[in-house]
Amino acid sequence: MITKEYIVQEIESLPEPLMGEVIDFIEFLKSKVNAEKMETLNLAESSLKKDWLSPEEDEAWKDL
């Protein structure tokens, strides 16, 4: 069985009062993924900043 189908099947078997907890957990997982993406972007920016913030780069891009 495909993972998504299994998850759907399990959710459908839950009692209605637990659905709110499932939604909370899904939202937590989404925010965790977004936080990890932001952390990666911040690390990339700090690593590349030394090359971006240079007089040579300013000169190269001044006409754009």
N, C-alpha and C. Protein backbone atom coordinates (compact mmCIF):
# COMPACT_ATOMS: atom_id res chain seq x y z
N MET A 1 0.85 -1.18 0.00
CA MET A 1 0.00 0.00 0.00
C MET A 1 0.90 1.25 0.00
N ILE A 2 0.51 2.24 -0.75
CA ILE A 2 1.26 3.50 -0.82
C ILE A 2 1.10 4.25 0.50
N THR A 3 2.15 4.92 0.90
CA THR A 3 2.17 5.62 2.19
C THR A 3 1.01 6.59 2.33
N LYS A 4 0.75 7.39 1.30
CA LYS A 4 -0.33 8.37 1.37
C LYS A 4 -1.68 7.68 1.58
N GLU A 5 -1.89 6.59 0.87
CA GLU A 5 -3.15 5.85 1.04
C GLU A 5 -3.27 5.29 2.45
N TYR A 6 -2.17 4.81 2.99
CA TYR A 6 -2.17 4.27 4.35
C TYR A 6 -2.51 5.37 5.35
N ILE A 7 -1.91 6.55 5.17
CA ILE A 7 -2.19 7.67 6.07
C ILE A 7 -3.66 8.05 6.01
N VAL A 8 -4.20 8.15 4.80
CA VAL A 8 -5.61 8.49 4.63
C VAL A 8 -6.49 7.45 5.31
N GLN A 9 -6.17 6.20 5.13
CA GLN A 9 -6.95 5.12 5.73
C GLN A 9 -6.92 5.23 7.26
N GLU A 10 -5.75 5.50 7.81
CA GLU A 10 -5.63 5.62 9.26
C GLU A 10 -6.39 6.84 9.78
N ILE A 11 -6.31 7.94 9.07
CA ILE A 11 -7.04 9.14 9.49
C ILE A 11 -8.54 8.89 9.46
N GLU A 12 -9.00 8.24 8.42
CA GLU A 12 -10.44 7.95 8.31
C GLU A 12 -10.93 7.04 9.42
N SER A 13 -10.05 6.25 10.01
CA SER A 13 -10.48 5.34 11.08
C SER A 13 -10.47 6.00 12.46
N LEU A 14 -9.94 7.22 12.54
CA LEU A 14 -9.89 7.92 13.83
C LEU A 14 -11.25 8.48 14.22
N PRO A 15 -11.52 8.55 15.51
CA PRO A 15 -12.75 9.23 15.95
C PRO A 15 -12.62 10.74 15.69
N GLU A 16 -13.73 11.37 15.44
CA GLU A 16 -13.78 12.79 15.10
C GLU A 16 -13.04 13.69 16.10
N PRO A 17 -13.14 13.45 17.39
CA PRO A 17 -12.44 14.34 18.33
C PRO A 17 -10.91 14.38 18.14
N LEU A 18 -10.33 13.35 17.56
CA LEU A 18 -8.89 13.32 17.35
C LEU A 18 -8.46 14.04 16.07
N MET A 19 -9.39 14.39 15.22
CA MET A 19 -9.05 15.05 13.96
C MET A 19 -8.33 16.37 14.19
N GLY A 20 -8.72 17.10 15.21
CA GLY A 20 -8.05 18.37 15.52
C GLY A 20 -6.58 18.17 15.85
N GLU A 21 -6.29 17.08 16.56
CA GLU A 21 -4.90 16.78 16.89
C GLU A 21 -4.10 16.42 15.64
N VAL A 22 -4.74 15.74 14.71
CA VAL A 22 -4.07 15.41 13.44
C VAL A 22 -3.74 16.69 12.68
N ILE A 23 -4.69 17.59 12.64
CA ILE A 23 -4.47 18.87 11.96
C ILE A 23 -3.33 19.63 12.63
N ASP A 24 -3.32 19.65 13.96
CA ASP A 24 -2.24 20.33 14.68
C ASP A 24 -0.88 19.72 14.32
N PHE A 25 -0.82 18.41 14.25
CA PHE A 25 0.44 17.74 13.94
C PHE A 25 0.89 18.03 12.51
N ILE A 26 -0.05 18.04 11.58
CA ILE A 26 0.28 18.36 10.19
C ILE A 26 0.83 19.78 10.10
N GLU A 27 0.19 20.71 10.78
CA GLU A 27 0.68 22.09 10.77
C GLU A 27 2.06 22.20 11.41
N PHE A 28 2.30 21.44 12.47
CA PHE A 28 3.62 21.42 13.10
C PHE A 28 4.67 20.92 12.11
N LEU A 29 4.37 19.85 11.39
CA LEU A 29 5.32 19.31 10.42
C LEU A 29 5.62 20.31 9.32
N LYS A 30 4.59 21.00 8.84
CA LYS A 30 4.79 22.01 7.80
C LYS A 30 5.67 23.15 8.30
N SER A 31 5.43 23.60 9.52
CA SER A 31 6.24 24.70 10.05
C SER A 31 7.68 24.25 10.28
N LYS A 32 7.86 22.99 10.64
CA LYS A 32 9.21 22.45 10.82
C LYS A 32 9.97 22.45 9.50
N VAL A 33 9.31 22.04 8.43
CA VAL A 33 9.93 22.03 7.10
C VAL A 33 10.28 23.46 6.69
N ASN A 34 9.37 24.39 6.91
CA ASN A 34 9.64 25.78 6.56
C ASN A 34 10.81 26.34 7.36
N ALA A 35 10.89 26.00 8.63
CA ALA A 35 12.00 26.47 9.47
C ALA A 35 13.33 25.92 8.96
N GLU A 36 13.33 24.66 8.55
CA GLU A 36 14.56 24.06 8.02
C GLU A 36 14.98 24.73 6.71
N LYS A 37 14.01 25.06 5.87
CA LYS A 37 14.33 25.76 4.63
C LYS A 37 14.93 27.13 4.92
N MET A 38 14.35 27.85 5.88
CA MET A 38 14.86 29.16 6.23
C MET A 38 16.27 29.06 6.80
N GLU A 39 16.51 28.04 7.61
CA GLU A 39 17.84 27.87 8.17
C GLU A 39 18.87 27.63 7.06
N THR A 40 18.49 26.82 6.07
CA THR A 40 19.39 26.56 4.95
C THR A 40 19.66 27.84 4.17
N LEU A 41 18.62 28.64 3.94
CA LEU A 41 18.81 29.91 3.23
C LEU A 41 19.71 30.85 4.01
N ASN A 42 19.52 30.91 5.31
CA ASN A 42 20.36 31.79 6.14
C ASN A 42 21.81 31.34 6.12
N LEU A 43 22.04 30.04 6.17
CA LEU A 43 23.41 29.53 6.12
C LEU A 43 24.06 29.84 4.77
N ALA A 44 23.29 29.67 3.70
CA ALA A 44 23.82 29.95 2.36
C ALA A 44 24.15 31.44 2.23
N GLU A 45 23.24 32.28 2.73
CA GLU A 45 23.47 33.72 2.63
C GLU A 45 24.72 34.13 3.39
N SER A 46 24.87 33.63 4.60
CA SER A 46 26.04 34.04 5.38
C SER A 46 27.34 33.54 4.75
N SER A 47 27.27 32.39 4.10
CA SER A 47 28.46 31.85 3.46
C SER A 47 28.81 32.61 2.18
N LEU A 48 27.80 33.08 1.46
CA LEU A 48 28.05 33.77 0.19
C LEU A 48 28.19 35.29 0.36
N LYS A 49 27.79 35.79 1.52
CA LYS A 49 27.80 37.23 1.74
C LYS A 49 29.18 37.84 1.51
N LYS A 50 30.22 37.12 1.89
CA LYS A 50 31.57 37.67 1.74
C LYS A 50 31.91 37.93 0.28
N ASP A 51 31.34 37.13 -0.64
CA ASP A 51 31.57 37.34 -2.06
C ASP A 51 30.64 38.40 -2.64
N TRP A 52 29.42 38.44 -2.13
CA TRP A 52 28.44 39.40 -2.66
C TRP A 52 28.76 40.82 -2.26
N LEU A 53 29.22 41.00 -1.04
CA LEU A 53 29.44 42.35 -0.52
C LEU A 53 30.89 42.77 -0.72
N SER A 54 31.23 42.94 -1.97
CA SER A 54 32.60 43.36 -2.29
C SER A 54 32.55 44.47 -3.34
N PRO A 55 33.56 45.31 -3.37
CA PRO A 55 33.60 46.37 -4.38
C PRO A 55 33.57 45.82 -5.80
N GLU A 56 34.18 44.66 -6.01
CA GLU A 56 34.19 44.05 -7.34
C GLU A 56 32.77 43.68 -7.79
N GLU A 57 32.00 43.12 -6.89
CA GLU A 57 30.61 42.76 -7.21
C GLU A 57 29.78 44.01 -7.47
N ASP A 58 29.97 45.03 -6.65
CA ASP A 58 29.24 46.29 -6.85
C ASP A 58 29.54 46.85 -8.25
N GLU A 59 30.78 46.81 -8.63
CA GLU A 59 31.19 47.31 -9.94
C GLU A 59 30.56 46.47 -11.06
N ALA A 60 30.58 45.18 -10.90
CA ALA A 60 30.06 44.29 -11.94
C ALA A 60 28.56 44.48 -12.16
N TRP A 61 27.82 44.84 -11.12
CA TRP A 61 26.36 44.91 -11.21
C TRP A 61 25.84 46.35 -11.26
N LYS A 62 26.67 47.32 -11.30
CA LYS A 62 26.22 48.71 -11.19
C LYS A 62 25.31 49.17 -12.34
N ASP A 63 25.43 48.57 -13.51
CA ASP A 63 24.65 49.00 -14.67
C ASP A 63 23.31 48.26 -14.81
N LEU A 64 23.00 47.42 -13.90
CA LEU A 64 21.73 46.66 -13.99
C LEU A 64 20.62 47.31 -13.24
